[in-house]
N, C-alpha and C. Protein backbone atom coordinates (compact mmCIF):
# COMPACT_ATOMS: atom_id res chain seq x y z
N MET A 1 242.91 63.82 63.63
CA MET A 1 242.12 65.14 63.78
C MET A 1 240.62 64.70 63.57
N PRO A 2 239.45 64.75 63.90
CA PRO A 2 238.27 64.23 63.72
C PRO A 2 237.64 64.93 62.18
N ASN A 3 236.98 64.14 60.94
CA ASN A 3 236.39 64.62 60.07
C ASN A 3 235.03 65.22 60.45
N TYR A 4 234.16 65.10 61.46
CA TYR A 4 232.91 65.21 61.41
C TYR A 4 232.50 65.53 63.11
N VAL A 5 231.94 66.26 63.59
CA VAL A 5 231.72 66.10 65.08
C VAL A 5 230.47 66.29 64.96
N HIS A 6 229.64 65.39 65.81
CA HIS A 6 228.21 65.94 66.11
C HIS A 6 228.20 65.89 67.52
N LEU A 7 226.92 66.82 68.09
CA LEU A 7 226.40 66.61 69.64
C LEU A 7 225.48 66.04 69.44
N VAL A 8 224.95 65.25 70.41
CA VAL A 8 223.42 64.39 70.25
C VAL A 8 223.30 63.95 72.03
N MET A 9 222.79 64.79 72.70
CA MET A 9 221.90 64.51 73.93
C MET A 9 223.37 64.13 75.08
N GLY A 10 223.97 64.81 74.76
CA GLY A 10 225.39 65.01 76.06
C GLY A 10 226.65 64.03 75.40
N LEU A 11 226.47 63.68 74.08
CA LEU A 11 227.55 62.91 73.41
C LEU A 11 227.99 63.94 72.46
N TYR A 12 229.32 63.61 72.42
CA TYR A 12 229.86 63.83 70.95
C TYR A 12 230.43 62.40 69.91
N PHE A 13 229.72 62.89 68.47
CA PHE A 13 230.18 61.43 68.10
C PHE A 13 230.98 62.41 66.42
N ALA A 14 231.97 61.45 66.63
CA ALA A 14 233.26 61.88 65.66
C ALA A 14 233.79 60.94 64.83
N LEU A 15 233.61 61.40 63.43
CA LEU A 15 234.23 60.50 62.22
C LEU A 15 235.27 60.62 62.26
N VAL A 16 236.39 59.54 62.64
CA VAL A 16 237.78 59.34 62.21
C VAL A 16 237.93 58.36 62.10
N SER A 17 238.54 58.42 60.85
CA SER A 17 239.27 57.59 59.79
C SER A 17 238.56 56.59 59.47
N GLY A 18 237.00 56.84 59.18
CA GLY A 18 236.19 56.65 58.69
C GLY A 18 235.35 55.52 59.84
N LEU A 19 235.58 55.73 61.07
CA LEU A 19 235.01 55.14 61.98
C LEU A 19 234.49 55.97 63.05
N VAL A 20 232.88 55.80 63.55
CA VAL A 20 232.54 56.89 64.38
C VAL A 20 232.62 56.57 65.79
N ILE A 21 232.95 57.31 66.57
CA ILE A 21 233.42 57.41 68.40
C ILE A 21 232.70 57.95 68.84
N ALA A 22 231.82 57.52 69.87
CA ALA A 22 231.02 58.44 70.78
C ALA A 22 232.07 58.64 72.11
N TYR A 23 231.83 59.93 72.27
CA TYR A 23 232.48 60.65 73.32
C TYR A 23 231.60 61.25 74.60
N ASP A 24 231.96 61.05 75.51
CA ASP A 24 231.33 61.65 76.82
C ASP A 24 231.51 62.70 76.79
N LEU A 25 230.55 63.60 77.47
CA LEU A 25 230.61 64.97 77.03
C LEU A 25 231.24 66.01 77.92
N THR A 26 231.30 65.20 79.36
CA THR A 26 231.80 65.54 80.71
C THR A 26 233.31 64.96 81.00
N THR A 27 233.61 64.09 80.28
CA THR A 27 234.90 63.42 80.29
C THR A 27 235.56 63.16 79.18
N MET A 28 234.85 63.40 78.03
CA MET A 28 235.62 63.34 76.45
C MET A 28 236.51 61.86 76.48
N SER A 29 235.99 60.87 77.18
CA SER A 29 236.27 60.21 76.85
C SER A 29 236.20 58.50 76.10
N PRO A 30 235.95 58.01 75.64
CA PRO A 30 235.26 57.19 74.33
C PRO A 30 234.28 56.47 75.06
N ARG A 31 232.73 56.45 75.08
CA ARG A 31 231.97 55.66 75.67
C ARG A 31 232.13 54.52 75.34
N LYS A 32 231.76 53.48 76.44
CA LYS A 32 231.68 51.90 76.05
C LYS A 32 230.59 51.79 75.87
N ARG A 33 229.79 50.22 75.27
CA ARG A 33 228.54 50.22 75.09
C ARG A 33 228.44 49.38 76.45
N VAL A 34 227.51 49.23 77.37
CA VAL A 34 227.43 48.35 78.46
C VAL A 34 225.86 47.38 78.30
N ARG A 35 226.32 46.14 78.70
CA ARG A 35 225.04 45.60 78.59
C ARG A 35 224.30 45.45 80.02
N LYS A 36 222.99 45.68 79.88
CA LYS A 36 222.38 45.65 81.14
C LYS A 36 221.94 44.12 81.66
N SER A 37 222.00 43.29 80.58
CA SER A 37 221.47 42.15 80.84
C SER A 37 222.54 40.81 80.05
N ASP A 38 222.10 39.77 80.56
CA ASP A 38 222.30 38.70 79.15
C ASP A 38 221.68 38.45 78.46
N ASN A 39 220.31 39.38 78.09
CA ASN A 39 219.77 39.11 76.93
C ASN A 39 220.51 39.40 75.84
N LEU A 40 220.34 38.59 74.48
CA LEU A 40 220.70 38.74 73.38
C LEU A 40 220.01 39.90 72.05
N LEU A 41 220.87 40.04 71.50
CA LEU A 41 220.06 41.03 70.12
C LEU A 41 219.55 39.94 69.59
N THR A 42 218.74 40.91 68.32
CA THR A 42 218.42 39.95 67.13
C THR A 42 219.17 39.54 66.47
N SER A 43 219.94 40.37 65.99
CA SER A 43 220.98 39.67 64.95
C SER A 43 221.88 38.53 65.74
N GLU A 44 222.24 38.85 67.33
CA GLU A 44 222.89 37.15 67.76
C GLU A 44 222.05 36.58 67.37
N VAL A 45 220.93 36.28 67.92
CA VAL A 45 219.54 35.14 67.88
C VAL A 45 219.78 34.51 66.67
N ALA A 46 219.64 35.39 65.67
CA ALA A 46 219.82 35.03 64.06
C ALA A 46 220.86 34.02 64.07
N SER A 47 222.36 34.56 64.43
CA SER A 47 223.45 33.96 64.25
C SER A 47 223.48 32.96 64.94
N VAL A 48 222.82 32.62 65.86
CA VAL A 48 222.84 31.49 67.14
C VAL A 48 222.03 30.40 65.99
N LEU A 49 220.93 30.64 65.97
CA LEU A 49 220.26 29.81 65.04
C LEU A 49 220.57 29.46 63.66
N GLY A 50 221.60 30.47 62.79
CA GLY A 50 222.15 29.72 61.75
C GLY A 50 221.03 30.24 60.40
N ILE A 51 220.39 31.50 60.93
CA ILE A 51 219.54 31.79 59.60
C ILE A 51 219.96 33.56 59.66
N SER A 52 219.31 34.06 58.87
CA SER A 52 219.45 35.52 58.59
C SER A 52 218.33 36.27 59.59
N GLN A 53 218.84 37.51 60.04
CA GLN A 53 218.18 38.57 60.95
C GLN A 53 216.58 38.68 60.17
N ARG A 54 216.72 38.56 58.79
CA ARG A 54 215.33 38.87 58.02
C ARG A 54 214.55 37.83 58.14
N THR A 55 214.91 36.30 58.10
CA THR A 55 213.96 35.18 57.98
C THR A 55 213.57 35.40 59.32
N LEU A 56 214.49 35.82 60.83
CA LEU A 56 214.10 35.83 61.91
C LEU A 56 212.55 36.67 62.11
N LEU A 57 212.88 38.08 61.42
CA LEU A 57 212.10 38.78 61.56
C LEU A 57 210.85 38.67 60.72
N ARG A 58 210.64 37.59 59.97
CA ARG A 58 209.51 37.02 58.86
C ARG A 58 208.65 36.20 59.70
N ARG A 59 209.45 35.26 60.44
CA ARG A 59 208.80 34.35 61.45
C ARG A 59 208.20 34.99 62.11
N LEU A 60 208.94 35.97 62.99
CA LEU A 60 207.86 36.97 64.19
C LEU A 60 206.83 37.42 63.32
N ALA A 61 206.41 38.13 62.46
CA ALA A 61 205.59 38.69 61.93
C ALA A 61 204.61 37.92 61.40
N ALA A 62 205.12 36.81 61.23
CA ALA A 62 203.78 35.54 60.68
C ALA A 62 203.26 34.97 61.66
N GLY A 63 203.90 35.20 62.79
CA GLY A 63 203.13 34.89 64.10
C GLY A 63 203.67 32.89 64.16
N ILE A 64 204.52 32.58 63.42
CA ILE A 64 205.21 31.04 63.57
C ILE A 64 206.07 30.83 64.36
N TRP A 65 207.10 31.91 65.46
CA TRP A 65 207.21 32.03 66.43
C TRP A 65 206.98 33.16 66.96
N PRO A 66 206.67 32.95 68.53
CA PRO A 66 206.25 33.91 69.31
C PRO A 66 207.17 35.42 69.58
N GLU A 67 206.57 36.74 69.64
CA GLU A 67 207.39 37.41 70.01
C GLU A 67 208.01 37.70 71.18
N PRO A 68 209.51 37.93 71.51
CA PRO A 68 209.95 37.94 72.77
C PRO A 68 209.15 39.11 74.08
N MET A 69 209.48 39.35 75.06
CA MET A 69 209.37 41.06 75.51
C MET A 69 210.21 41.88 75.15
N ARG A 70 209.55 43.27 74.88
CA ARG A 70 210.44 44.54 74.24
C ARG A 70 210.66 44.85 75.55
N ASP A 71 212.11 45.59 75.66
CA ASP A 71 212.60 46.98 76.66
C ASP A 71 211.48 48.30 76.71
N PRO A 72 211.20 48.12 77.84
CA PRO A 72 210.69 49.64 77.90
C PRO A 72 211.22 50.63 77.45
N GLU A 73 212.32 50.59 77.66
CA GLU A 73 212.99 52.06 77.28
C GLU A 73 213.25 52.48 75.72
N ASN A 74 213.43 51.70 74.89
CA ASN A 74 213.88 51.66 73.77
C ASN A 74 213.01 51.05 72.61
N ASN A 75 212.11 49.80 73.35
CA ASN A 75 211.43 48.83 72.37
C ASN A 75 212.07 47.80 71.54
N TYR A 76 213.58 47.63 72.27
CA TYR A 76 214.22 46.29 71.14
C TYR A 76 213.62 45.10 71.82
N ARG A 77 213.58 44.18 71.20
CA ARG A 77 213.71 42.63 71.65
C ARG A 77 214.55 42.42 72.76
N MET A 78 213.98 41.67 73.85
CA MET A 78 215.09 41.03 74.97
C MET A 78 214.85 39.65 74.74
N TRP A 79 215.87 39.21 74.15
CA TRP A 79 215.91 37.61 73.53
C TRP A 79 216.44 37.00 75.10
N ARG A 80 215.60 36.31 75.76
CA ARG A 80 216.23 35.54 77.00
C ARG A 80 216.72 34.29 76.31
N PRO A 81 217.70 33.76 77.13
CA PRO A 81 218.63 32.29 76.25
C PRO A 81 217.37 31.27 76.69
N ILE A 82 216.68 30.97 77.25
CA ILE A 82 215.66 29.79 77.08
C ILE A 82 215.30 30.02 76.11
N GLU A 83 214.61 30.90 75.56
CA GLU A 83 213.98 31.42 74.45
C GLU A 83 214.48 31.23 73.30
N VAL A 84 215.49 31.33 72.96
CA VAL A 84 215.84 30.95 71.83
C VAL A 84 217.07 29.15 71.95
N GLN A 85 216.92 29.38 72.89
CA GLN A 85 217.12 27.32 73.18
C GLN A 85 215.60 26.85 72.06
N GLN A 86 214.85 27.51 72.80
CA GLN A 86 213.44 26.97 72.35
C GLN A 86 213.24 27.20 70.93
N LEU A 87 213.65 28.44 70.30
CA LEU A 87 213.57 28.62 69.00
C LEU A 87 214.67 27.64 68.14
N ARG A 88 215.38 27.23 69.00
CA ARG A 88 216.49 26.23 68.31
C ARG A 88 215.98 24.69 67.76
N GLU A 89 215.40 24.40 68.79
CA GLU A 89 214.68 23.36 69.16
C GLU A 89 213.57 23.17 68.56
N ALA A 90 212.85 23.98 68.26
CA ALA A 90 212.05 24.57 67.00
C ALA A 90 212.16 24.25 65.81
N LEU A 91 213.62 24.59 65.27
CA LEU A 91 214.05 24.96 64.09
C LEU A 91 214.44 23.63 63.65
N GLU A 92 215.20 22.76 64.52
CA GLU A 92 215.68 21.44 64.55
C GLU A 92 214.85 20.50 64.21
N ARG A 93 213.43 20.53 65.08
CA ARG A 93 212.37 19.61 64.32
C ARG A 93 211.25 20.04 63.30
N GLU A 94 211.15 21.46 62.77
CA GLU A 94 210.83 21.62 61.54
C GLU A 94 212.01 21.39 60.65
N ARG A 95 213.40 21.19 60.65
CA ARG A 95 214.34 20.64 59.41
C ARG A 95 214.17 19.21 59.51
N GLN A 96 213.81 18.71 60.56
CA GLN A 96 213.32 16.95 60.01
C GLN A 96 212.82 16.51 59.32
């Protein structure tokens, strides 16, 4: 039995045994996150580069690395694999 239920934008969010689960209001089935593309999340890029997410964001803010495009719907950074490869190469050159 859920400890907490909250309705937001057509989804029920339930806290069950410490886990938050989103249920679709129409089907009441658990909703799975579906990726729209092969773009990476900022946390995934930081992990691939072997640095913290905070370090990655600091370098972006300082202009050391270029900002990637942003998703117009949610303003999230859209990291393309080629951009990640370029950052990896720049990081390797920097470490030498």
